[in-house]
Protein backbone atom coordinates (compact mmCIF):
# COMPACT_ATOMS: atom_id res chain seq x y z
CA MET A 1 -17.18 -23.10 30.30
CA LYS A 2 -14.45 -21.03 28.36
CA PRO A 3 -15.19 -17.26 28.60
CA GLU A 4 -16.06 -15.57 25.16
CA PHE A 5 -14.25 -12.34 24.42
CA HIS A 6 -15.46 -9.74 22.03
CA PHE A 7 -13.13 -7.69 20.43
CA ALA A 8 -13.48 -4.37 18.62
CA ASP A 9 -13.44 -4.67 15.04
CA ARG A 10 -10.02 -2.92 14.57
CA ALA A 11 -8.51 -5.25 16.92
CA ILE A 12 -9.96 -8.27 14.87
CA LYS A 13 -8.18 -6.74 11.93
CA LEU A 14 -4.77 -6.78 13.82
CA THR A 15 -2.15 -9.18 12.50
CA SER A 16 1.35 -10.34 13.98
CA SER A 17 4.54 -9.08 12.08
CA ALA A 18 5.82 -11.27 9.58
CA ILE A 19 9.42 -10.44 10.95
CA ARG A 20 8.40 -11.17 14.43
CA GLU A 21 7.19 -14.69 13.44
CA ILE A 22 10.26 -15.53 11.50
CA LEU A 23 12.30 -14.31 14.52
CA LYS A 24 10.84 -16.87 16.88
CA VAL A 25 12.40 -19.43 14.38
CA THR A 26 15.73 -18.02 14.35
CA GLU A 27 15.92 -18.06 18.40
CA LYS A 28 17.61 -21.84 17.71
CA LYS A 29 21.41 -21.19 17.87
CA GLU A 30 22.17 -23.25 14.82
CA ILE A 31 20.16 -20.65 12.34
CA ILE A 32 22.21 -18.16 10.75
CA SER A 33 19.82 -15.38 10.68
CA PHE A 34 19.52 -12.40 8.42
CA ALA A 35 16.23 -11.61 9.46
CA GLY A 36 16.44 -9.41 12.12
CA GLY A 37 16.75 -5.60 11.88
CA LEU A 38 18.30 -5.26 15.18
CA PRO A 39 21.42 -3.02 15.86
CA SER A 40 24.47 -4.83 16.53
CA PRO A 41 25.12 -4.89 20.52
CA GLU A 42 28.70 -4.34 19.81
CA GLY A 43 27.77 -0.70 19.49
CA PHE A 44 25.98 -0.27 22.88
CA PRO A 45 27.97 1.99 25.03
CA ILE A 46 26.87 -0.12 28.10
CA GLU A 47 29.41 1.46 30.73
CA ILE A 48 28.69 5.01 29.70
CA VAL A 49 24.82 4.63 29.78
CA LYS A 50 25.16 2.73 33.30
CA ASP A 51 27.32 5.74 34.63
CA ALA A 52 24.55 8.16 33.13
CA PHE A 53 21.89 6.36 35.00
CA ASN A 54 23.78 6.19 38.23
CA LYS A 55 24.56 9.90 38.13
CA VAL A 56 21.15 10.98 37.45
CA LEU A 57 19.82 8.88 40.19
CA THR A 58 22.46 9.92 42.66
CA GLU A 59 22.40 13.74 41.85
CA ASN A 60 18.59 14.19 40.98
CA GLY A 61 16.82 11.08 41.59
CA LYS A 62 13.63 12.74 43.01
CA VAL A 63 13.02 14.53 39.78
CA ALA A 64 14.24 11.42 37.56
CA LEU A 65 11.79 9.01 39.36
CA GLN A 66 8.73 11.73 39.44
CA TYR A 67 6.34 12.01 36.54
CA GLY A 68 7.26 14.39 33.92
CA THR A 69 5.73 16.95 31.21
CA THR A 70 4.28 15.27 28.22
CA GLU A 71 6.23 17.11 25.81
CA GLY A 72 9.48 15.63 27.25
CA TYR A 73 12.77 16.63 29.18
CA THR A 74 13.53 20.38 28.24
CA PRO A 75 17.23 20.01 28.19
CA LEU A 76 16.94 16.91 25.81
CA ARG A 77 14.31 18.95 23.46
CA GLN A 78 16.80 21.48 23.38
CA TRP A 79 19.51 19.51 22.27
CA ILE A 80 17.81 17.83 19.61
CA ALA A 81 16.48 21.57 18.30
CA ASP A 82 20.28 22.70 18.32
CA GLU A 83 21.30 19.64 16.33
CA MET A 84 18.82 20.03 14.06
CA ASN A 85 19.14 23.69 13.47
CA ALA A 86 23.14 23.03 13.00
CA SER A 87 22.35 20.80 10.05
CA GLY A 88 20.29 23.43 8.38
CA SER A 89 16.62 23.28 9.76
CA GLU A 90 15.04 26.24 11.68
CA ILE A 91 13.32 24.86 14.43
CA ASN A 92 12.09 25.67 18.13
CA ILE A 93 11.77 23.58 21.25
CA ASP A 94 8.02 23.92 21.03
CA GLN A 95 8.09 22.03 17.77
CA ILE A 96 9.43 18.78 19.64
CA LEU A 97 7.83 16.05 21.30
CA ILE A 98 9.91 13.12 23.14
CA VAL A 99 8.25 9.77 22.31
CA SER A 100 8.66 6.02 23.74
CA GLY A 101 10.59 5.09 20.48
CA SER A 102 9.72 6.40 17.10
CA GLN A 103 7.16 3.58 16.71
CA GLN A 104 5.06 5.04 19.08
CA ALA A 105 5.22 8.43 17.02
CA LEU A 106 3.87 6.49 13.90
CA ASP A 107 1.01 5.06 16.00
CA LEU A 108 0.17 8.76 17.49
CA LEU A 109 0.39 10.21 13.97
CA GLY A 110 -2.09 7.75 12.83
CA LYS A 111 -4.35 8.44 15.56
CA ILE A 112 -4.52 12.29 15.08
CA LEU A 113 -4.30 12.29 11.10
CA ILE A 114 -5.79 9.20 9.60
CA ASN A 115 -10.04 8.33 9.40
CA GLU A 116 -11.31 5.35 8.14
CA GLY A 117 -10.69 5.43 4.29
CA ASP A 118 -8.41 8.31 4.21
CA LYS A 119 -5.75 8.17 1.43
CA ILE A 120 -1.93 8.12 2.70
CA LEU A 121 0.84 8.00 -0.09
CA VAL A 122 3.45 5.38 0.98
CA GLU A 123 6.65 4.43 -1.13
CA ASN A 124 6.27 0.76 -2.36
CA PRO A 125 7.84 -1.28 -0.53
CA SER A 126 7.90 0.30 2.97
CA TYR A 127 8.69 -0.20 6.52
CA LEU A 128 6.38 -2.88 7.79
CA GLY A 129 6.02 -1.31 11.09
CA ALA A 130 4.62 2.07 9.86
CA LEU A 131 2.42 -0.23 7.71
CA GLN A 132 1.03 -2.08 10.80
CA SER A 133 0.74 1.15 13.00
CA PHE A 134 -1.42 2.90 10.35
CA GLY A 135 -3.08 0.05 8.97
CA LEU A 136 -4.87 -0.07 12.47
CA TYR A 137 -6.62 3.34 11.36
CA GLN A 138 -7.83 1.58 8.15
CA PRO A 139 -6.52 4.01 5.51
CA LYS A 140 -6.62 3.57 2.02
CA TYR A 141 -3.02 3.30 0.73
CA ILE A 142 -1.72 4.88 -2.32
CA PRO A 143 1.61 3.36 -3.26
CA VAL A 144 4.66 5.12 -4.76
CA PRO A 145 6.98 3.36 -7.02
CA THR A 146 10.71 3.34 -6.13
CA ASP A 147 13.87 2.45 -7.80
CA ASP A 148 17.69 2.54 -6.90
CA GLY A 149 16.97 6.02 -6.65
CA GLY A 150 14.55 5.94 -3.67
CA LEU A 151 11.18 7.08 -4.01
CA ILE A 152 10.03 8.54 -7.52
CA PRO A 153 8.18 11.61 -7.11
CA GLU A 154 7.27 11.81 -10.97
CA HIS A 155 4.66 8.98 -10.04
CA ILE A 156 2.86 11.46 -7.69
CA ASP A 157 0.33 13.50 -9.77
CA LYS A 158 -2.44 15.73 -8.52
CA GLU A 159 -5.39 13.49 -9.09
CA THR A 160 -3.41 10.44 -7.41
CA ALA A 161 -2.80 12.60 -4.30
CA SER A 162 -5.91 14.61 -4.07
CA ASN A 163 -6.86 14.75 -0.34
CA ALA A 164 -4.08 12.39 0.73
CA ARG A 165 -3.40 13.02 4.68
CA PHE A 166 0.47 12.59 4.24
CA LEU A 167 3.01 10.93 2.47
CA TYR A 168 5.37 8.64 4.63
CA ALA A 169 8.76 7.89 3.51
CA LEU A 170 12.37 7.00 4.61
CA PRO A 171 14.89 8.89 2.80
CA ASN A 172 17.84 7.16 4.15
CA PHE A 173 18.99 3.74 3.85
CA GLN A 174 15.31 2.69 3.69
CA ASN A 175 14.10 -0.07 5.27
CA PRO A 176 13.68 -2.90 3.71
CA THR A 177 15.70 -1.84 0.76
CA GLY A 178 18.75 -0.07 2.06
CA ARG A 179 18.12 2.74 -0.75
CA THR A 180 18.67 6.45 -0.25
CA LEU A 181 16.59 9.13 -1.66
CA SER A 182 18.79 11.21 -4.24
CA LEU A 183 19.19 15.06 -3.53
CA GLU A 184 17.54 15.90 -6.89
CA ARG A 185 14.55 14.00 -5.64
CA ARG A 186 14.49 15.22 -2.35
CA LYS A 187 14.24 18.65 -3.49
CA GLU A 188 11.40 17.64 -5.95
CA LEU A 189 9.68 15.77 -3.36
CA VAL A 190 9.51 18.54 -0.84
CA LYS A 191 8.89 21.06 -3.43
CA LEU A 192 5.67 18.89 -5.03
CA MET A 193 4.18 18.22 -1.64
CA ALA A 194 4.33 21.73 -0.67
CA ASN A 195 2.37 22.51 -4.03
CA LEU A 196 -0.15 19.81 -3.00
CA ASN A 197 -0.41 20.95 0.41
CA ILE A 198 0.33 17.49 2.08
CA PRO A 199 2.47 16.83 4.87
CA ILE A 200 5.70 14.64 4.57
CA ILE A 201 6.46 12.11 7.31
CA GLU A 202 10.15 11.78 7.37
CA ASP A 203 11.04 8.72 9.07
CA ASP A 204 14.92 8.53 9.66
CA PRO A 205 16.33 6.21 12.16
CA TYR A 206 19.22 5.28 10.02
CA GLY A 207 20.47 8.53 8.78
CA GLU A 208 23.44 8.54 11.25
CA LEU A 209 24.56 5.47 10.16
CA ARG A 210 26.05 6.26 6.84
CA TYR A 211 29.23 4.66 6.49
CA LYS A 212 30.11 5.75 2.62
CA GLY A 213 29.08 8.58 0.26
CA THR A 214 27.98 12.13 0.82
CA PRO A 215 25.34 12.89 3.53
CA GLN A 216 22.10 14.18 2.02
CA PRO A 217 20.07 17.18 3.72
CA SER A 218 16.89 16.24 5.80
CA LEU A 219 13.60 16.78 3.94
CA LEU A 220 12.82 19.15 6.97
CA SER A 221 15.84 21.28 6.14
CA LEU A 222 14.73 21.38 2.57
CA SER A 223 11.30 22.41 3.60
CA LYS A 224 12.02 25.73 4.82
CA GLU A 225 12.74 26.82 1.20
CA THR A 226 9.19 25.73 0.15
CA GLY A 227 7.03 26.42 3.08
CA GLY A 228 5.82 22.75 3.25
CA THR A 229 5.23 20.89 6.22
CA VAL A 230 7.60 17.96 7.12
CA ILE A 231 7.02 16.09 10.48
CA ARG A 232 10.43 14.40 11.18
CA LEU A 233 10.85 11.29 13.17
CA GLY A 234 14.14 10.55 14.94
CA THR A 235 15.62 7.89 17.58
CA PHE A 236 18.05 6.96 19.72
CA SER A 237 17.67 3.46 19.06
CA LYS A 238 20.10 3.09 16.58
CA VAL A 239 22.88 5.44 18.04
CA LEU A 240 22.92 4.41 21.39
CA ALA A 241 20.38 1.23 22.10
CA PRO A 242 17.02 0.48 21.13
CA GLY A 243 16.12 -0.97 24.67
CA LEU A 244 16.20 2.91 25.88
CA ARG A 245 12.87 3.19 23.81
CA LEU A 246 13.41 6.70 23.01
CA GLY A 247 12.51 9.01 20.04
CA TYR A 248 11.36 12.27 19.11
CA VAL A 249 8.69 13.92 16.66
CA ILE A 250 9.63 17.53 15.13
CA ALA A 251 6.62 19.08 13.76
CA PRO A 252 4.85 22.36 13.43
CA VAL A 253 3.18 23.57 16.78
CA PRO A 254 -0.37 22.74 16.05
CA ILE A 255 0.59 19.05 15.31
CA ILE A 256 2.56 18.58 18.27
CA ARG A 257 -0.34 19.82 20.56
CA LYS A 258 -2.46 17.26 19.01
CA LEU A 259 0.19 14.56 19.39
CA VAL A 260 0.83 15.77 23.18
CA GLN A 261 -2.90 14.98 23.63
CA ALA A 262 -2.82 11.87 22.01
CA LYS A 263 0.25 10.74 24.08
CA GLN A 264 -1.57 12.13 27.22
CA ALA A 265 -4.18 9.33 26.58
CA SER A 266 -1.65 6.63 25.74
CA ASP A 267 0.99 6.83 28.52
CA LEU A 268 1.08 10.47 29.96
CA HIS A 269 4.72 11.03 29.17
CA THR A 270 8.06 8.96 28.15
CA PRO A 271 9.99 7.94 31.21
CA THR A 272 11.71 10.90 32.90
CA LEU A 273 14.79 8.86 33.97
CA THR A 274 15.40 7.54 30.63
CA GLN A 275 15.38 11.38 28.93
CA MET A 276 17.61 12.75 31.98
CA ALA A 277 20.17 9.60 31.55
CA VAL A 278 20.27 9.99 27.68
CA TYR A 279 21.02 13.86 27.95
CA GLU A 280 23.65 12.99 30.37
CA VAL A 281 25.30 10.61 27.88
CA ILE A 282 25.05 12.91 24.81
CA LYS A 283 25.27 16.32 26.17
CA ASP A 284 29.08 16.84 26.05
CA GLY A 285 29.39 15.66 22.28
CA PHE A 286 29.59 11.77 23.08
CA LEU A 287 27.63 11.03 19.75
CA GLN A 288 30.63 12.38 17.82
CA LYS A 289 33.07 9.99 19.40
CA HIS A 290 30.94 6.99 19.47
CA LEU A 291 29.29 7.02 16.28
CA PRO A 292 32.29 6.55 13.98
CA ASN A 293 32.76 3.27 15.76
CA VAL A 294 29.31 2.11 15.32
CA ARG A 295 29.69 3.22 11.51
CA ASP A 296 32.77 1.21 11.51
CA ILE A 297 30.97 -2.08 12.54
CA TYR A 298 28.35 -1.80 10.06
CA ARG A 299 30.81 -0.76 6.98
CA THR A 300 32.86 -3.92 7.98
CA GLN A 301 29.72 -6.04 8.13
CA VAL A 302 28.28 -4.85 4.94
CA GLN A 303 31.38 -5.12 3.13
CA CYS A 304 31.76 -8.58 4.03
CA MET A 305 28.47 -9.65 2.74
CA LEU A 306 28.82 -7.80 -0.30
CA LYS A 307 31.88 -9.71 -1.00
CA ALA A 308 30.34 -13.09 -0.28
CA LEU A 309 27.39 -12.14 -2.71
CA GLU A 310 29.64 -11.36 -5.28
CA LYS A 311 31.28 -14.51 -5.03
CA GLU A 312 28.53 -17.06 -3.98
CA PHE A 313 25.39 -15.94 -5.81
CA PRO A 314 24.65 -16.78 -9.48
CA ALA A 315 24.33 -14.38 -12.23
CA GLY A 316 21.11 -12.76 -12.81
CA ILE A 317 20.56 -11.89 -9.11
CA GLN A 318 20.57 -8.23 -8.19
CA TRP A 319 21.09 -6.56 -4.71
CA THR A 320 21.50 -2.95 -3.64
CA LYS A 321 24.77 -1.60 -2.22
CA PRO A 322 23.73 0.65 0.72
CA GLU A 323 25.92 3.77 1.64
CA GLY A 324 24.43 3.37 5.39
CA GLY A 325 22.12 1.42 7.71
CA MET A 326 21.37 -2.27 8.17
CA PHE A 327 19.85 -3.80 4.92
CA LEU A 328 20.43 -5.19 1.48
CA TRP A 329 17.63 -5.89 -0.78
CA ILE A 330 18.06 -8.85 -3.09
CA THR A 331 15.78 -9.44 -6.29
CA LEU A 332 15.67 -12.89 -7.73
CA PRO A 333 14.59 -14.15 -11.03
CA LYS A 334 10.75 -13.75 -11.16
CA HIS A 335 9.95 -17.49 -11.10
CA ILE A 336 11.76 -17.92 -7.82
CA ASP A 337 9.29 -17.60 -4.86
CA SER A 338 10.92 -16.02 -1.92
CA THR A 339 8.49 -17.55 0.45
CA LYS A 340 8.86 -21.16 -0.96
CA LEU A 341 12.63 -20.33 -0.79
CA LEU A 342 12.62 -19.25 2.83
CA GLU A 343 10.96 -22.84 3.72
CA LYS A 344 13.88 -24.57 2.25
CA ALA A 345 16.46 -21.96 3.68
CA ILE A 346 15.05 -22.76 7.21
CA VAL A 347 15.75 -26.43 6.76
CA ARG A 348 19.21 -25.57 5.94
CA ASN A 349 19.48 -22.99 9.10
CA ILE A 350 19.25 -19.86 7.15
CA ALA A 351 16.65 -17.16 7.70
CA PHE A 352 15.95 -14.18 5.67
CA VAL A 353 12.68 -11.83 5.49
CA THR A 354 10.52 -12.19 2.22
CA GLY A 355 9.89 -9.13 0.37
CA LYS A 356 6.07 -9.55 0.28
CA PRO A 357 5.21 -8.06 3.46
CA PHE A 358 6.54 -4.67 2.54
CA PHE A 359 4.65 -4.19 -0.28
CA ILE A 360 1.34 -2.21 0.02
CA ALA A 361 0.13 -3.00 -3.52
CA PRO A 362 0.71 -5.79 -6.12
CA SER A 363 4.22 -5.50 -7.82
CA PRO A 364 6.36 -7.67 -10.18
CA GLU A 365 8.88 -7.70 -7.25
CA GLU A 366 6.77 -8.68 -4.29
CA ASN A 367 7.17 -12.51 -4.58
CA CYS A 368 10.75 -12.50 -5.66
CA THR A 369 12.45 -9.97 -3.11
CA MET A 370 13.86 -10.63 0.01
CA ARG A 371 15.60 -8.44 2.73
CA LEU A 372 18.88 -9.27 4.38
CA SER A 373 20.33 -7.65 7.55
CA PHE A 374 23.84 -7.87 8.48
CA ALA A 375 24.30 -5.77 11.54
CA THR A 376 24.10 -8.61 14.02
CA VAL A 377 26.09 -11.27 12.17
CA PRO A 378 29.49 -12.27 12.60
CA GLU A 379 31.52 -12.20 9.58
CA GLU A 380 32.27 -15.91 9.36
CA LYS A 381 28.52 -16.40 9.67
CA ILE A 382 27.71 -13.99 6.84
CA VAL A 383 30.25 -16.11 4.83
CA GLN A 384 28.62 -19.42 5.56
CA GLY A 385 25.30 -18.40 5.24
CA ILE A 386 25.57 -16.51 2.16
CA SER A 387 27.45 -19.41 0.80
CA LEU A 388 24.53 -21.77 1.71
CA LEU A 389 21.99 -19.41 0.30
CA GLY A 390 23.89 -18.95 -2.92
CA GLN A 391 23.66 -22.73 -3.03
CA LEU A 392 20.21 -23.07 -2.35
CA ILE A 393 19.43 -20.35 -5.34
CA LYS A 394 21.24 -22.17 -7.77
CA GLU A 395 19.32 -25.21 -7.04
CA ASN A 396 16.12 -23.42 -7.63
CA LEU A 397 17.25 -21.56 -11.03
C-alpha cells in the first residue's frame, strides 16, 4: 500500500519553473542553449575565492565554522553600506541583512508583506523567480505595462495602486527583456510611489554588469529626495559566483527587524564561512579590478549575438539591445507562437525560453516573445544557433 500524503493548499498550488524544466532538455551536449540565465563561469575568480576560504579557515576557523548572527557578518554589512553611500545613498549598517542569495530575500519579503489577496504591482513581463516566490502567498498581481524605456509610471494611477503592498521592479537590464529604466522614469516612479505611500522593491542583480552607456542612479539613492521607501536587493552571484549563494537586503530598520525574525524561522543565518570568505575577497578593492573583465566577457558575447541577429533573422523581427546584463528579448510576428516554435527548435538542437511564463496578465506579446541568454554560449555556438533559429523563423513566417 502506497502512503498517501496530504499537502497544504499552498503546496498544491506550487508549480515547477518553466526555465528549470527547459534546462533539463538542454543537458544534452548537442543542444545550443540560449535558455539559461547562468553567469559565465569564465568570470569566476576561482583561485582568489579558494585562497580566501583557506585564509579564513587558517586564521579564524573557529569563528567561521560557528553559528553567526542572523543580520550577517558585520564587516561585510559595513562594506555594503559604504559602497551604497559612495554611490549616493544614505544608509547605515542596521538597514542591511545578509541573505542566502537574493532569491531568499524575495521569499522573506513575501512572508512579511503579503496576505492572501493583497495587491502587488509588478512590471509586465517580470522575473519569473519573483513571480514564483510571491505567488506562494497568493497575492493579486497588478500588471504595470513596459516598453523599451522600461516600466511606464504613467500607467500607475491612484485607484489601481490603492492599498498595494509594494511595487516590484528590476530597473537595470531587466530579466527577461534586458531593458533599463530611464532616468526620467526612475525619478517619476520614486516620486509617485512616495506620494502613494507604497514601497518599491528594487531588485538589482545585474547593475554591475553594464558594458555600454551611462550608469543610472539606484532607486534607493533617488528615494532620499522624496522620503519614499525603497527596499533594495543585491547579490554577489553575478559579480563573483552564484554558487556562493550570498545576497543582501537594504531596507528601513522596521522592515529589517521583521525580515530577521522571518529568516530566523527559516535558516537562522547565512553561512558565516561564506560571508567571511567573500569579505576577504572584496575588502581591498578586488571588484574594481575584476568586474571590467567580467563586463568584457558579456560585451563580446552580446555583440556577437546582435551581429548574428542582424545577419540571420528576417525582417519584421524585433529585439532589445541591452547596455548590460545577460538577456535579449525577441518579439516575433503575432502569428508565430513561441511555444510551438520552441518544440521545433529543440528538434534542431536549439533552446530558448518562451515569453509567456514571464507575463502576469494577458498581453499581445505573451505568445510571440522569447528570451535569449548569451552569457554561457561560446561565440561560434552563438553564430551557429542564431543561424538555425533564423532559418526556423523564416520557415514559420
